[in-house]
């Protein structure tokens, strides 16, 4: 289930304020692949995120930078050439 905060607050913030609709789409994609931010994703290639969201690979890269800068995700690499894994943060959720 999608947290109402994601649609009610995060969407207008990323799409309207930051003017990064691709960041919102990528966040939703990662949300789905991390069980709503409850687990770390498996390795996900940028190409797969681009195909899954319908945006370009370059837009995905920019979106990931925006999300990491906003501390909404953590990106990790097992090796320098491996696909990335993601941890989606839910800073609004109480632990």
Protein backbone atom coordinates (compact mmCIF):
# COMPACT_ATOMS: atom_id res chain seq x y z
CA UNK A 1 0.00 0.00 0.00
CA UNK A 2 1.29 3.42 -0.91
CA UNK A 3 1.68 5.76 2.05
CA UNK A 4 -0.62 8.81 1.61
CA UNK A 5 2.34 11.09 2.40
CA UNK A 6 4.00 10.01 -0.85
CA UNK A 7 1.11 11.31 -2.96
CA UNK A 8 -0.12 14.18 -0.78
CA UNK A 9 3.24 15.77 0.10
CA UNK A 10 6.18 14.19 -1.71
CA UNK A 11 4.63 14.34 -5.19
CA UNK A 12 3.89 18.11 -5.12
CA UNK A 13 7.29 18.73 -3.56
CA UNK A 14 9.32 16.79 -6.15
CA UNK A 15 7.17 17.60 -9.18
CA UNK A 16 6.08 21.16 -8.39
CA UNK A 17 8.80 22.61 -6.20
CA UNK A 18 11.91 20.77 -7.45
CA UNK A 19 10.53 20.40 -11.00
CA UNK A 20 11.73 16.79 -11.09
CA UNK A 21 8.77 14.61 -12.07
CA UNK A 22 11.21 11.86 -13.05
CA UNK A 23 12.47 11.79 -9.45
CA UNK A 24 8.93 11.07 -8.26
CA UNK A 25 8.51 8.28 -10.82
CA UNK A 26 11.84 6.72 -9.87
CA UNK A 27 10.94 6.96 -6.16
CA UNK A 28 7.67 5.12 -6.84
CA UNK A 29 9.50 2.47 -8.86
CA UNK A 30 12.02 1.93 -6.06
CA UNK A 31 9.23 2.00 -3.46
CA UNK A 32 7.64 -0.94 -5.26
CA UNK A 33 10.90 -2.88 -5.43
CA UNK A 34 11.73 -2.36 -1.75
CA UNK A 35 8.37 -3.38 -0.30
CA UNK A 36 7.47 0.20 0.55
CA UNK A 37 10.92 1.02 1.86
CA UNK A 38 10.96 -1.92 4.24
CA UNK A 39 13.83 -3.79 2.58
CA UNK A 40 16.85 -3.17 0.39
CA UNK A 41 16.33 -3.80 -3.30
CA UNK A 42 18.23 -6.38 -5.24
CA UNK A 43 20.60 -5.11 -7.90
CA UNK A 44 18.66 -2.98 -10.38
CA UNK A 45 20.34 -1.75 -13.56
CA UNK A 46 19.61 1.82 -14.66
CA UNK A 47 18.22 0.45 -17.92
CA UNK A 48 15.59 -1.53 -15.99
CA UNK A 49 14.53 1.56 -14.00
CA UNK A 50 14.33 3.57 -17.22
CA UNK A 51 12.17 0.93 -18.90
CA UNK A 52 10.01 0.53 -15.79
CA UNK A 53 9.33 4.26 -15.47
CA UNK A 54 9.25 5.26 -19.12
CA UNK A 55 11.97 7.90 -18.73
CA UNK A 56 15.44 8.04 -20.24
CA UNK A 57 18.49 6.53 -18.58
CA UNK A 58 19.91 10.05 -18.18
CA UNK A 59 16.71 11.20 -16.46
CA UNK A 60 16.97 8.21 -14.12
CA UNK A 61 20.55 9.18 -13.24
CA UNK A 62 19.48 12.76 -12.50
CA UNK A 63 16.51 11.52 -10.47
CA UNK A 64 18.71 9.23 -8.38
CA UNK A 65 21.03 12.15 -7.63
CA UNK A 66 18.07 14.28 -6.58
CA UNK A 67 16.62 11.54 -4.37
CA UNK A 68 20.00 10.84 -2.74
CA UNK A 69 20.60 14.56 -2.16
CA UNK A 70 17.16 14.82 -0.55
CA UNK A 71 18.03 11.73 1.55
CA UNK A 72 15.05 9.80 0.24
CA UNK A 73 17.24 6.92 -0.96
CA UNK A 74 20.64 5.39 -0.30
CA UNK A 75 22.49 3.95 -3.29
CA UNK A 76 25.11 1.21 -2.91
CA UNK A 77 27.34 -0.77 -5.28
CA UNK A 78 28.81 -4.18 -4.47
CA UNK A 79 31.63 -3.45 -6.92
CA UNK A 80 32.51 -0.51 -9.14
CA UNK A 81 30.90 -2.15 -12.19
CA UNK A 82 27.92 -3.86 -10.57
CA UNK A 83 24.32 -2.70 -10.73
CA UNK A 84 23.14 -0.55 -7.89
CA UNK A 85 21.09 -1.57 -4.88
CA UNK A 86 18.74 0.88 -3.23
CA UNK A 87 17.38 1.56 0.20
CA UNK A 88 14.29 3.76 0.15
CA UNK A 89 13.90 6.02 3.16
CA UNK A 90 10.61 7.09 4.66
CA UNK A 91 11.67 10.05 6.83
CA UNK A 92 8.05 10.88 7.68
CA UNK A 93 7.33 7.41 9.11
CA UNK A 94 7.75 6.76 12.77
CA UNK A 95 9.95 3.85 13.62
